[in-house]
Amino acid sequence: MKSESIIIFVGIIMIIVGLILFYLIEIFINIDPITQYLNHSGLFLGLIGIGVAMAGALLRLMAREDVPIQEDFDV
């Protein structure tokens, strides 16, 4: 597996974990400092995951090989 695919996969996992932390903590009414910390860390992890996934996608697009142009103009 290429490194770009691994980076994209890790970014998607980070987004999913961030969403779980952010929205699962919202269900509970108990607002103690530890719960707020987990909620904010879920938001931060999700946003960083978006950046990591986009960086992996950009690396994948930049690493592609260009198709050679065939210049055959013989008539």
N, C-alpha and C. Protein backbone atom coordinates (compact mmCIF):
# COMPACT_ATOMS: atom_id res chain seq x y z
N MET A 1 0.85 -1.17 0.00
CA MET A 1 0.00 0.00 0.00
C MET A 1 0.90 1.24 0.00
N LYS A 2 0.57 2.21 -0.82
CA LYS A 2 1.36 3.41 -0.91
C LYS A 2 1.16 4.29 0.31
N SER A 3 2.12 5.16 0.54
CA SER A 3 2.05 6.03 1.72
C SER A 3 0.89 7.02 1.61
N GLU A 4 0.53 7.43 0.39
CA GLU A 4 -0.59 8.36 0.24
C GLU A 4 -1.89 7.72 0.68
N SER A 5 -2.06 6.45 0.36
CA SER A 5 -3.28 5.74 0.76
C SER A 5 -3.35 5.59 2.27
N ILE A 6 -2.22 5.36 2.89
CA ILE A 6 -2.18 5.23 4.35
C ILE A 6 -2.52 6.56 5.00
N ILE A 7 -2.01 7.66 4.45
CA ILE A 7 -2.30 8.99 5.00
C ILE A 7 -3.79 9.30 4.87
N ILE A 8 -4.38 8.99 3.73
CA ILE A 8 -5.82 9.22 3.54
C ILE A 8 -6.62 8.37 4.52
N PHE A 9 -6.23 7.11 4.70
CA PHE A 9 -6.93 6.21 5.62
C PHE A 9 -6.85 6.72 7.06
N VAL A 10 -5.68 7.18 7.48
CA VAL A 10 -5.51 7.71 8.83
C VAL A 10 -6.36 8.97 9.00
N GLY A 11 -6.41 9.82 7.99
CA GLY A 11 -7.24 11.03 8.06
C GLY A 11 -8.72 10.70 8.20
N ILE A 12 -9.18 9.70 7.49
CA ILE A 12 -10.60 9.30 7.58
C ILE A 12 -10.90 8.73 8.96
N ILE A 13 -9.97 7.94 9.50
CA ILE A 13 -10.15 7.40 10.86
C ILE A 13 -10.19 8.54 11.88
N MET A 14 -9.34 9.54 11.71
CA MET A 14 -9.34 10.68 12.63
C MET A 14 -10.66 11.44 12.55
N ILE A 15 -11.21 11.61 11.36
CA ILE A 15 -12.49 12.29 11.20
C ILE A 15 -13.59 11.51 11.91
N ILE A 16 -13.61 10.20 11.74
CA ILE A 16 -14.65 9.36 12.35
C ILE A 16 -14.54 9.41 13.88
N VAL A 17 -13.33 9.29 14.42
CA VAL A 17 -13.16 9.34 15.87
C VAL A 17 -13.54 10.72 16.40
N GLY A 18 -13.18 11.76 15.68
CA GLY A 18 -13.55 13.12 16.08
C GLY A 18 -15.06 13.31 16.10
N LEU A 19 -15.74 12.79 15.09
CA LEU A 19 -17.20 12.89 15.07
C LEU A 19 -17.84 12.12 16.22
N ILE A 20 -17.29 10.95 16.51
CA ILE A 20 -17.82 10.15 17.61
C ILE A 20 -17.64 10.90 18.93
N LEU A 21 -16.44 11.43 19.16
CA LEU A 21 -16.20 12.16 20.41
C LEU A 21 -17.07 13.41 20.50
N PHE A 22 -17.21 14.13 19.40
CA PHE A 22 -17.95 15.39 19.44
C PHE A 22 -19.44 15.17 19.64
N TYR A 23 -20.03 14.26 18.86
CA TYR A 23 -21.48 14.10 18.93
C TYR A 23 -21.94 13.16 20.03
N LEU A 24 -21.12 12.20 20.43
CA LEU A 24 -21.52 11.30 21.50
C LEU A 24 -21.50 12.01 22.85
N ILE A 25 -20.56 12.93 23.02
CA ILE A 25 -20.50 13.69 24.27
C ILE A 25 -21.67 14.66 24.36
N GLU A 26 -22.19 15.13 23.23
CA GLU A 26 -23.32 16.07 23.24
C GLU A 26 -24.59 15.44 23.80
N ILE A 27 -24.69 14.12 23.73
CA ILE A 27 -25.89 13.45 24.21
C ILE A 27 -26.00 13.57 25.73
N PHE A 28 -24.87 13.46 26.40
CA PHE A 28 -24.88 13.49 27.85
C PHE A 28 -25.09 14.91 28.35
N ILE A 29 -25.92 15.08 29.36
CA ILE A 29 -26.22 16.39 29.91
C ILE A 29 -25.15 16.82 30.92
N ASN A 30 -24.46 15.86 31.50
CA ASN A 30 -23.46 16.15 32.51
C ASN A 30 -22.31 16.95 31.89
N ILE A 31 -22.17 18.21 32.28
CA ILE A 31 -21.15 19.07 31.69
C ILE A 31 -20.06 19.32 32.73
N ASP A 32 -19.24 18.34 32.97
CA ASP A 32 -18.09 18.55 33.84
C ASP A 32 -16.88 18.89 32.96
N PRO A 33 -15.79 19.37 33.54
CA PRO A 33 -14.64 19.80 32.72
C PRO A 33 -14.03 18.69 31.87
N ILE A 34 -14.05 17.45 32.35
CA ILE A 34 -13.48 16.36 31.56
C ILE A 34 -14.33 16.10 30.32
N THR A 35 -15.65 16.17 30.47
CA THR A 35 -16.55 15.98 29.32
C THR A 35 -16.37 17.09 28.30
N GLN A 36 -16.23 18.32 28.77
CA GLN A 36 -15.99 19.43 27.86
C GLN A 36 -14.66 19.26 27.14
N TYR A 37 -13.65 18.78 27.86
CA TYR A 37 -12.34 18.54 27.25
C TYR A 37 -12.44 17.49 26.14
N LEU A 38 -13.16 16.41 26.39
CA LEU A 38 -13.34 15.38 25.36
C LEU A 38 -14.12 15.92 24.17
N ASN A 39 -15.11 16.74 24.43
CA ASN A 39 -15.90 17.33 23.34
C ASN A 39 -15.03 18.22 22.47
N HIS A 40 -14.24 19.08 23.10
CA HIS A 40 -13.37 19.98 22.33
C HIS A 40 -12.25 19.22 21.63
N SER A 41 -11.74 18.17 22.26
CA SER A 41 -10.69 17.39 21.60
C SER A 41 -11.26 16.63 20.40
N GLY A 42 -12.53 16.22 20.47
CA GLY A 42 -13.16 15.58 19.32
C GLY A 42 -13.28 16.52 18.14
N LEU A 43 -13.65 17.77 18.43
CA LEU A 43 -13.73 18.78 17.37
C LEU A 43 -12.36 19.01 16.75
N PHE A 44 -11.35 19.15 17.60
CA PHE A 44 -9.99 19.39 17.12
C PHE A 44 -9.48 18.21 16.30
N LEU A 45 -9.74 17.00 16.78
CA LEU A 45 -9.28 15.80 16.07
C LEU A 45 -9.98 15.67 14.72
N GLY A 46 -11.26 15.99 14.65
CA GLY A 46 -11.98 15.92 13.39
C GLY A 46 -11.45 16.92 12.37
N LEU A 47 -11.18 18.14 12.83
CA LEU A 47 -10.65 19.15 11.91
C LEU A 47 -9.25 18.79 11.43
N ILE A 48 -8.42 18.28 12.30
CA ILE A 48 -7.09 17.85 11.88
C ILE A 48 -7.19 16.67 10.92
N GLY A 49 -8.15 15.78 11.16
CA GLY A 49 -8.36 14.64 10.26
C GLY A 49 -8.73 15.08 8.86
N ILE A 50 -9.54 16.15 8.76
CA ILE A 50 -9.87 16.69 7.44
C ILE A 50 -8.60 17.17 6.73
N GLY A 51 -7.74 17.86 7.47
CA GLY A 51 -6.49 18.34 6.88
C GLY A 51 -5.58 17.21 6.46
N VAL A 52 -5.49 16.18 7.27
CA VAL A 52 -4.63 15.03 6.94
C VAL A 52 -5.16 14.30 5.71
N ALA A 53 -6.47 14.10 5.64
CA ALA A 53 -7.05 13.42 4.47
C ALA A 53 -6.84 14.23 3.20
N MET A 54 -7.00 15.55 3.30
CA MET A 54 -6.78 16.39 2.11
C MET A 54 -5.31 16.39 1.70
N ALA A 55 -4.40 16.38 2.68
CA ALA A 55 -2.97 16.32 2.35
C ALA A 55 -2.63 15.00 1.65
N GLY A 56 -3.21 13.90 2.12
CA GLY A 56 -2.98 12.61 1.45
C GLY A 56 -3.53 12.59 0.05
N ALA A 57 -4.71 13.21 -0.15
CA ALA A 57 -5.28 13.27 -1.50
C ALA A 57 -4.42 14.11 -2.43
N LEU A 58 -3.91 15.22 -1.91
CA LEU A 58 -3.04 16.06 -2.74
C LEU A 58 -1.73 15.35 -3.07
N LEU A 59 -1.17 14.63 -2.10
CA LEU A 59 0.04 13.86 -2.38
C LEU A 59 -0.21 12.80 -3.43
N ARG A 60 -1.36 12.17 -3.36
CA ARG A 60 -1.69 11.14 -4.35
C ARG A 60 -1.83 11.75 -5.75
N LEU A 61 -2.47 12.92 -5.83
CA LEU A 61 -2.63 13.57 -7.14
C LEU A 61 -1.29 14.04 -7.70
N MET A 62 -0.41 14.53 -6.83
CA MET A 62 0.88 15.03 -7.31
C MET A 62 1.83 13.90 -7.68
N ALA A 63 1.66 12.70 -7.11
CA ALA A 63 2.57 11.59 -7.37
C ALA A 63 2.20 10.79 -8.61
N ARG A 64 1.06 11.10 -9.21
CA ARG A 64 0.67 10.35 -10.41
C ARG A 64 1.62 10.65 -11.55
N GLU A 65 1.85 9.65 -12.36
CA GLU A 65 2.72 9.82 -13.52
C GLU A 65 1.91 10.39 -14.67
N ASP A 66 2.50 11.33 -15.36
CA ASP A 66 1.83 11.93 -16.52
C ASP A 66 1.87 10.98 -17.70
N VAL A 67 0.81 11.01 -18.48
CA VAL A 67 0.76 10.19 -19.69
C VAL A 67 1.61 10.88 -20.75
N PRO A 68 2.54 10.15 -21.36
CA PRO A 68 3.38 10.79 -22.37
C PRO A 68 2.55 11.21 -23.60
N ILE A 69 2.87 12.35 -24.14
CA ILE A 69 2.17 12.85 -25.32
C ILE A 69 2.83 12.25 -26.56
N GLN A 70 1.99 11.64 -27.38
CA GLN A 70 2.50 11.03 -28.62
C GLN A 70 2.39 12.05 -29.74
N GLU A 71 3.53 12.48 -30.22
CA GLU A 71 3.55 13.46 -31.31
C GLU A 71 3.87 12.74 -32.62
N ASP A 72 2.87 12.19 -33.23
CA ASP A 72 3.05 11.49 -34.49
C ASP A 72 2.19 12.20 -35.54
N PHE A 73 2.83 13.10 -36.30
CA PHE A 73 2.09 13.89 -37.25
C PHE A 73 2.36 13.47 -38.70
N ASP A 74 2.82 12.27 -38.91
CA ASP A 74 3.07 11.79 -40.27
C ASP A 74 1.74 11.58 -40.98
N VAL A 75 1.68 12.12 -42.20
CA VAL A 75 0.45 11.99 -42.98
C VAL A 75 0.64 10.99 -44.11
